[in-house]
Amino acid sequence: MRHPLEHMIEERIREAMEKGDLSDLPNAGKPIPNLSESAEDTLSRVMREQGGKPAFVLLNGKLQALIQRMTETRDPLARKALEQQIADMRTSIAIEKERGW
């Protein structure tokens, strides 16, 4: 089954090609690089090229901030809450690492 907008998209592309709007694109006429990459490899490459970081790296920064707050906190109730947040964050990091992205 075709997507409902597929016909309109194809028509717009055809019109743009007829007007020459697509003739000066970079790498026009050249093979598309990395066409055989898996979705995971493509996502990793794009993130790397765009300066993106995997979720577990970002979460690790938040974990380190929680640990720092824990070392500075003397209130037992606040420490208990931070311990739970740290445990939850470590679980989230493990899940993200398992995803591989």
C-alpha atoms as a PDB file:
ATOM      1  CA  MET A   1       0.000   0.000   0.000  1.00  0.00           C
ATOM      2  CA  ARG A   2       1.337   3.392  -0.959  1.00  0.00           C
ATOM      3  CA  HIS A   3       1.512   6.323   1.410  1.00  0.00           C
ATOM      4  CA  PRO A   4      -1.271   8.857   0.683  1.00  0.00           C
ATOM      5  CA  LEU A   5       1.249  11.638   0.050  1.00  0.00           C
ATOM      6  CA  GLU A   6       3.549   9.579  -2.182  1.00  0.00           C
ATOM      7  CA  HIS A   7       1.883  10.698  -5.426  1.00  0.00           C
ATOM      8  CA  MET A   8       2.071  14.383  -4.433  1.00  0.00           C
ATOM      9  CA  ILE A   9       5.729  14.033  -3.422  1.00  0.00           C
ATOM     10  CA  GLU A  10       6.626  12.350  -6.715  1.00  0.00           C
ATOM     11  CA  GLU A  11       4.789  15.077  -8.616  1.00  0.00           C
ATOM     12  CA  ARG A  12       6.649  17.867  -6.765  1.00  0.00           C
ATOM     13  CA  ILE A  13      10.004  16.165  -7.447  1.00  0.00           C
ATOM     14  CA  ARG A  14       9.143  15.769 -11.136  1.00  0.00           C
ATOM     15  CA  GLU A  15       8.157  19.467 -11.374  1.00  0.00           C
ATOM     16  CA  ALA A  16      11.360  20.560  -9.645  1.00  0.00           C
ATOM     17  CA  MET A  17      13.446  18.408 -11.991  1.00  0.00           C
ATOM     18  CA  GLU A  18      11.676  19.863 -15.054  1.00  0.00           C
ATOM     19  CA  LYS A  19      12.379  23.408 -13.824  1.00  0.00           C
ATOM     20  CA  GLY A  20      16.019  22.515 -13.165  1.00  0.00           C
ATOM     21  CA  ASP A  21      15.775  23.209  -9.435  1.00  0.00           C
ATOM     22  CA  LEU A  22      17.614  19.986  -8.612  1.00  0.00           C
ATOM     23  CA  SER A  23      20.384  20.221 -11.208  1.00  0.00           C
ATOM     24  CA  ASP A  24      22.945  22.061  -9.075  1.00  0.00           C
ATOM     25  CA  LEU A  25      22.825  19.881  -5.981  1.00  0.00           C
ATOM     26  CA  PRO A  26      26.171  18.862  -4.469  1.00  0.00           C
ATOM     27  CA  ASN A  27      27.297  15.396  -5.587  1.00  0.00           C
ATOM     28  CA  ALA A  28      24.590  15.240  -8.276  1.00  0.00           C
ATOM     29  CA  GLY A  29      25.131  12.246 -10.529  1.00  0.00           C
ATOM     30  CA  LYS A  30      27.492  10.543  -8.089  1.00  0.00           C
ATOM     31  CA  PRO A  31      26.723   7.318  -6.248  1.00  0.00           C
ATOM     32  CA  ILE A  32      25.179   7.675  -2.820  1.00  0.00           C
ATOM     33  CA  PRO A  33      27.862   6.837  -0.235  1.00  0.00           C
ATOM     34  CA  ASN A  34      27.287   4.284   2.527  1.00  0.00           C
ATOM     35  CA  LEU A  35      24.140   2.956   0.867  1.00  0.00           C
ATOM     36  CA  SER A  36      24.740  -0.542   2.230  1.00  0.00           C
ATOM     37  CA  GLU A  37      25.081   0.616   5.870  1.00  0.00           C
ATOM     38  CA  SER A  38      22.657  -0.734   8.425  1.00  0.00           C
ATOM     39  CA  ALA A  39      20.285   1.721  10.090  1.00  0.00           C
ATOM     40  CA  GLU A  40      22.324   1.499  13.290  1.00  0.00           C
ATOM     41  CA  ASP A  41      25.589   2.243  11.464  1.00  0.00           C
ATOM     42  CA  THR A  42      23.997   5.151   9.633  1.00  0.00           C
ATOM     43  CA  LEU A  43      22.634   6.600  12.861  1.00  0.00           C
ATOM     44  CA  SER A  44      26.020   6.251  14.567  1.00  0.00           C
ATOM     45  CA  ARG A  45      27.819   7.883  11.623  1.00  0.00           C
ATOM     46  CA  VAL A  46      25.380  10.803  11.421  1.00  0.00           C
ATOM     47  CA  MET A  47      25.576  11.386  15.177  1.00  0.00           C
ATOM     48  CA  ARG A  48      29.378  11.328  15.023  1.00  0.00           C
ATOM     49  CA  GLU A  49      29.509  13.664  12.020  1.00  0.00           C
ATOM     50  CA  GLN A  50      27.076  16.113  13.636  1.00  0.00           C
ATOM     51  CA  GLY A  51      28.810  16.069  17.007  1.00  0.00           C
ATOM     52  CA  GLY A  52      26.017  14.130  18.682  1.00  0.00           C
ATOM     53  CA  LYS A  53      26.554  11.975  21.708  1.00  0.00           C
ATOM     54  CA  PRO A  54      24.825   8.729  22.592  1.00  0.00           C
ATOM     55  CA  ALA A  55      22.170   8.989  25.288  1.00  0.00           C
ATOM     56  CA  PHE A  56      24.236   7.008  27.784  1.00  0.00           C
ATOM     57  CA  VAL A  57      27.053   9.564  27.545  1.00  0.00           C
ATOM     58  CA  LEU A  58      24.637  12.399  28.311  1.00  0.00           C
ATOM     59  CA  LEU A  59      23.108  10.396  31.150  1.00  0.00           C
ATOM     60  CA  ASN A  60      26.559   9.713  32.558  1.00  0.00           C
ATOM     61  CA  GLY A  61      27.122  13.462  32.885  1.00  0.00           C
ATOM     62  CA  LYS A  62      23.912  13.728  34.883  1.00  0.00           C
ATOM     63  CA  LEU A  63      25.019  10.765  37.012  1.00  0.00           C
ATOM     64  CA  GLN A  64      28.298  12.478  37.839  1.00  0.00           C
ATOM     65  CA  ALA A  65      26.391  15.613  38.893  1.00  0.00           C
ATOM     66  CA  LEU A  66      24.178  13.523  41.184  1.00  0.00           C
ATOM     67  CA  ILE A  67      27.215  11.841  42.729  1.00  0.00           C
ATOM     68  CA  GLN A  68      28.793  15.250  43.322  1.00  0.00           C
ATOM     69  CA  ARG A  69      25.609  16.490  45.015  1.00  0.00           C
ATOM     70  CA  MET A  70      25.618  13.361  47.156  1.00  0.00           C
ATOM     71  CA  THR A  71      29.138  14.073  48.414  1.00  0.00           C
ATOM     72  CA  GLU A  72      28.080  17.609  49.360  1.00  0.00           C
ATOM     73  CA  THR A  73      24.796  16.645  51.067  1.00  0.00           C
ATOM     74  CA  ARG A  74      24.659  15.975  54.801  1.00  0.00           C
ATOM     75  CA  ASP A  75      20.898  15.649  55.260  1.00  0.00           C
ATOM     76  CA  PRO A  76      20.063  11.903  55.575  1.00  0.00           C
ATOM     77  CA  LEU A  77      16.688  12.216  53.814  1.00  0.00           C
ATOM     78  CA  ALA A  78      18.202  14.159  50.923  1.00  0.00           C
ATOM     79  CA  ARG A  79      21.022  11.604  50.684  1.00  0.00           C
ATOM     80  CA  LYS A  80      18.488   8.768  50.550  1.00  0.00           C
ATOM     81  CA  ALA A  81      16.625  10.508  47.707  1.00  0.00           C
ATOM     82  CA  LEU A  82      19.914  11.069  45.852  1.00  0.00           C
ATOM     83  CA  GLU A  83      20.870   7.402  46.315  1.00  0.00           C
ATOM     84  CA  GLN A  84      17.609   6.409  44.628  1.00  0.00           C
ATOM     85  CA  GLN A  85      18.170   8.882  41.778  1.00  0.00           C
ATOM     86  CA  ILE A  86      21.704   7.542  41.310  1.00  0.00           C
ATOM     87  CA  ALA A  87      20.432   3.960  41.203  1.00  0.00           C
ATOM     88  CA  ASP A  88      17.741   4.932  38.677  1.00  0.00           C
ATOM     89  CA  MET A  89      20.288   6.799  36.552  1.00  0.00           C
ATOM     90  CA  ARG A  90      22.623   3.782  36.539  1.00  0.00           C
ATOM     91  CA  THR A  91      19.730   1.610  35.372  1.00  0.00           C
ATOM     92  CA  SER A  92      18.917   4.090  32.596  1.00  0.00           C
ATOM     93  CA  ILE A  93      22.555   4.133  31.502  1.00  0.00           C
ATOM     94  CA  ALA A  94      22.672   0.331  31.389  1.00  0.00           C
ATOM     95  CA  ILE A  95      19.512   0.264  29.264  1.00  0.00           C
ATOM     96  CA  GLU A  96      20.903   2.845  26.831  1.00  0.00           C
ATOM     97  CA  LYS A  97      24.206   0.997  26.542  1.00  0.00           C
ATOM     98  CA  GLU A  98      22.354  -2.212  25.771  1.00  0.00           C
ATOM     99  CA  ARG A  99      20.494  -0.460  22.972  1.00  0.00           C
ATOM    100  CA  GLY A 100      23.877   0.241  21.436  1.00  0.00           C
ATOM    101  CA  TRP A 101      23.109   3.780  20.322  1.00  0.00           C
END
